[in-house]
Amino acid sequence: MKNDSPDILTNPPEPAANKRAVMSAHLTSTAPSRPDLSGRQPAIPRQDALERLRTELGIQRETIRQQFEQRETNGVETARNLALLMDRIIEKLARYAGLPHTLQENGTDEVFCLCATGGYGAGLLAPFSDVDLLFLTAEAPSKDLIEAIEYILYTLWDLGLRVGHATRTIESALEMARTDQTSCTTLLDIRPLYGQKTLVLTLQEKLETHLKGPALEQFVLQAITQREDRHRRFGDTPYLVEPHIKEGKGGLRDLQVLNWIGYAVLGNGLSVKSNLQRAQGLAPACTLLGLLTKREISRTHSLWNFLWTVRLNLHYITGRNEERLTFDVQPIIGARMRYGNHGHQRGVERFMRHHFLMARAVMRLTHVFQPAILLHLRNQLQQRPPRVEPGPDGFQRIDGCLSLPNPLALVREPVTVFHFLDCARRHQLALHPAAIQQIIRFERHSASLRHNGEASALFIKLLCDPAAELPSPAAATPPAGDDRDHRQDRIFWLPLLNETGILSHLLPGWSRILGRTQFDGYHIHTVDAHTIEAVHILRMIEQGRMADELPLAYRLARTMTQRPLLYLATLLHDIGKGRGGNHSEIGADIATQICQQLGLSASDTDTVSWLVLHHLLLSRTAFSRDIDDPQTILDLADTIQSPKRLRMLLLLSIADIRAVGPRAWNAWKATLLGRLYTRIADVLEGGLQAQEDDERVDHNKTFIQQALRDEGMPDADITHFMKLGRPGYWLGFDPQSHVRHARLVCRHRAEGREDAIIVDIAPLPDRGITELTVFCKDQPGLFSRITSALALCGASIADARIHTLNNGMVLDTFWFHDPYGQAFMEAEHLDRLHNTIVQVMEGAIDPKETLSAANFPLPRRLEALHIPSRVLIDSDASENYTIVEVNGRDRPALLHNITTTLSRLKLHISSAHIMTYGLRAVDVFYVTNADGHKLTASAEDELQTALLDTLHTMEADAD
């Protein structure tokens, strides 16, 4: 039983081959020694019962499905109809098994009740959910009763149902409830289906007696703890772009937890009749206990029905017990629920945004309902009254948590909410749950804070709460038992501001990104969750908690002088998304409006707006442009102009990338961004302009010559090597790489064959990358063949440089990583890479044929994402090359097919920069024509047509 309720059942559903053996062993072990008195026999043979019920179940299920899909019934009504249908099926099956519904006068029948438990017991059932049953007896079951239970279970299994089951006496059920949290939870929703219902009343009364005092408190606290553990297992956020609608944060299970703790504290003692009325009411139980306002009750009914409607659609579409809302089903469910395109938003985007808003509403309901339950529980216990004492700034503390003495102050003086939060920030006090409840209920009054200068100043303090001062890495971890306030553990307030709705009222445009999904297979969070995570990453960088991973960023963050501006820019960097057009440009305009509203000066407003406008500048350049091209660096320096802006832009770029997801950042990206930062900083400080390229070349060559002599290389080989490289080669690598290249050239000379191929593979684990160097005679299609060989080995290329030397030989360098973003390290992997590359280059393997035959399946859930193909050509951004940028769906043969097209057009590739963003590949090539010149306008048109044809052909083949 893994679907609608925690499993208290003794036996899980068994494979058909094992059902009889397991079931018989389990049940006969509990059979009494007393003689059987009833001589009960089935009313009809099991095969006849199976045929009758199969027909009825199939017809009725299809009717219920049609009513749902034709929108005659909503999600909750449909789930209730499925539960009622199952009630009828099980009742008939119990009669067919020969079980009496009431006790006979002669008293020979056993006291027995067949009960529904878990989600089915609550009266709602999804199409492919488990049917959870409890066979409740007064005493250990007789042999006849065991056979009747087997009759029921085998028939249900043969009907294709997932059945969770247990056979227990009242005492054994209570013993399980006393020792097991999930067993106790399941019994809260027990519902009699057939037999002597007085057994259920007795069990409920005894369960009520058990759930008092410390046992009740333990049950409630364990339920809350289990919920938090489950949240961590499922991502600890409701804003994952492929959410788990049942177990994820803000899902149906969270509402069920509220039901369970509500009924445990307030709803015990309900009779079977009222229990059934509760199920018939089709409402989440937490709305029936008198703790919510009418507005909250109405909202809860809406989200309860919405989540059930989504769940039923998901089951019907997938045809299985599926609870994860994956990319492939999102557009289908959105269409079925009538979410059409509107403005710049597609229907699926509107549907998913509504889903995330509903998940947020579940979280808010938890904050409202749970404190009331806990307060009522404490009043019941009367052993631990809350400890109320004066707090700072006129507020109060309840059990050490900051609270509001008069919630009406939030309405009379709305700025009180920021004074309250700022007080908690300064004193690092957690908020009392009742205070969060009051802030959520205050939400609609917070709109007046938008132009309140006092609120704006307090908001900025909350946004960029001071970072930790870590004297040294060794001091970052406090000793055991140290209770001092370590500021790196300061409370992060931004999620609370978002969850309570304050951000949406305070910042124009924030509500537009709230719950907005990014359908690219790259971002794993919604836009607002990604943004908040970016601020959190920036905070951790500044605190030194990522100093080992990002040493450059940590050094820059420690000297940052305009913290509020960087934090504001990070908060607003994606606020322009979802409006059509360039989100950076739109976001810059919105940022200007927000900064003016917050009372920033014109200069500070300009800085924040500029950062938002250019927040992708460094990352796009580092990952898809030749950062050794002087023109690229000079253009960037001209745009940035200020060393201070450069430092802030780098920190924003790193926080943005790290917040995308765990696999979006790696050591190679850190290396590229660090190199780009250093080059731009040199220009801004006058270093690169003061030193001519030829002087730098001479300096590098002198250094390398000495290094080669120091390691004993013959002078003749050194002289030969020093004549080969052109200026771009000597400026494009570090001295260690030049020394390694010199060894390869010597190996080639030692081979004595002009057509010899020298291949060198060097893992660079500190950069998270593997470097491949190929030295051989230049030949058409060489780059394409190497890329295809790497694709066959499962390598992802990140960067490539092609240097044609003065003697006509080529030195091609590729940087690549494994599918997990790490360097290839294992010896067998490196040997396979080496052998495959050599065989492809020597013609032993046909790369085109091998790639076509290779199976690189794309997960079905990702096939639904639309990745448009695009080709951009720019001959102005580089002094010597035409830059070709190809965007399309990433696939193993993509790079091979693109480079084959470039080779067919007789274009020379100088460097390539390969980057993937989820499913989207961005491949950039620096090319010249056969004469070594930039492309003409007509050649650019021909190239664009040819590349688009290649991309479209690949798309058609994939379909």
Foldseek 3Di string as FASTA:
>chain_A
DPAFAQAPAPDFDDPPVCLVVVLCVVQVVLADPDDQDPPFAFQDDLVVLLVVLLVVLVVQLVVLVVCDLVVVDFLLVSQLSNLVSVLVSLQVLLNRLRADQEADPVRNDFAWFKKWWGRSLLRGHAPQDEGEIEIEGQGRDHPSVSVSVSSSVSSCVVSVHGYGYHYYYLVVLVVSVQVPLRSVLGLLSIATRGGDCVRNVVSLVVSLVQCAAPSVVVSLVVLVVVLCVLQVVQPVAQFFLWHQQDSYQLHVVLLSSLLSNLCSQQVGPDDNVVSVVSSVVSARNLLVRPQDDPVLRVLRSVLSRVSSNLLNQVCVVVVHNGRIRFQQCLVVSLVSVPQDDDALRHSSQVVQLVVLVSSLSSVLVCLQRVVVSVQSSCVRNVPCHWDWDADPPRFIDTNQATAHPDLCCCQVPVLVVLVSVLSCQVVVGHHDSVRLNSLLVSQVSLLVCQQPLVSLVSVLCLLCVDAFDDPDPVVQDPDPPDPDDGRNPRDNCVVSCVSSNNCVSHAPLPVVQRSGRDQDLFFRGGPQQLLSQLSVVLRCLCNCVCCVVQVPLNVLSVPQDPVSLLSLLSNQLQSQPPNDDDSLLSSLVSLLVSCVSNPHDPVSNVLSSLLSNCLCVLLCCLQFHQLLFVLLLVVVLVSQLDLSSLSSSLSSNVSSQVSRDPQSDFLQSSVSSVVSSVSNVCVSVPNDVVADLVNVLVVLLVVLLVVLVVVPDDPVLSVVLSQWADSSVSSRDDSVVSSVVSVQVVVVVVVVDQADKGWDWAWDQSSQKIKIKIKHADDFLLVLLLLLLCLVLQKDWFKKFWGQIPVRIIIIMTIIHHPRSGYDDDPVSVVSSVVSSVCSVVVVDPSVVVLVPDDDDDPPSSVSRDWDWDWDWAPPSGDQFIKIKIKDFDDSCLSSLLSNLCSVQQKDFGIWGWDDRRRMIIIMTTIPHNVRGYDDPVVVVVSRVSSVVSRVVVVVVVD
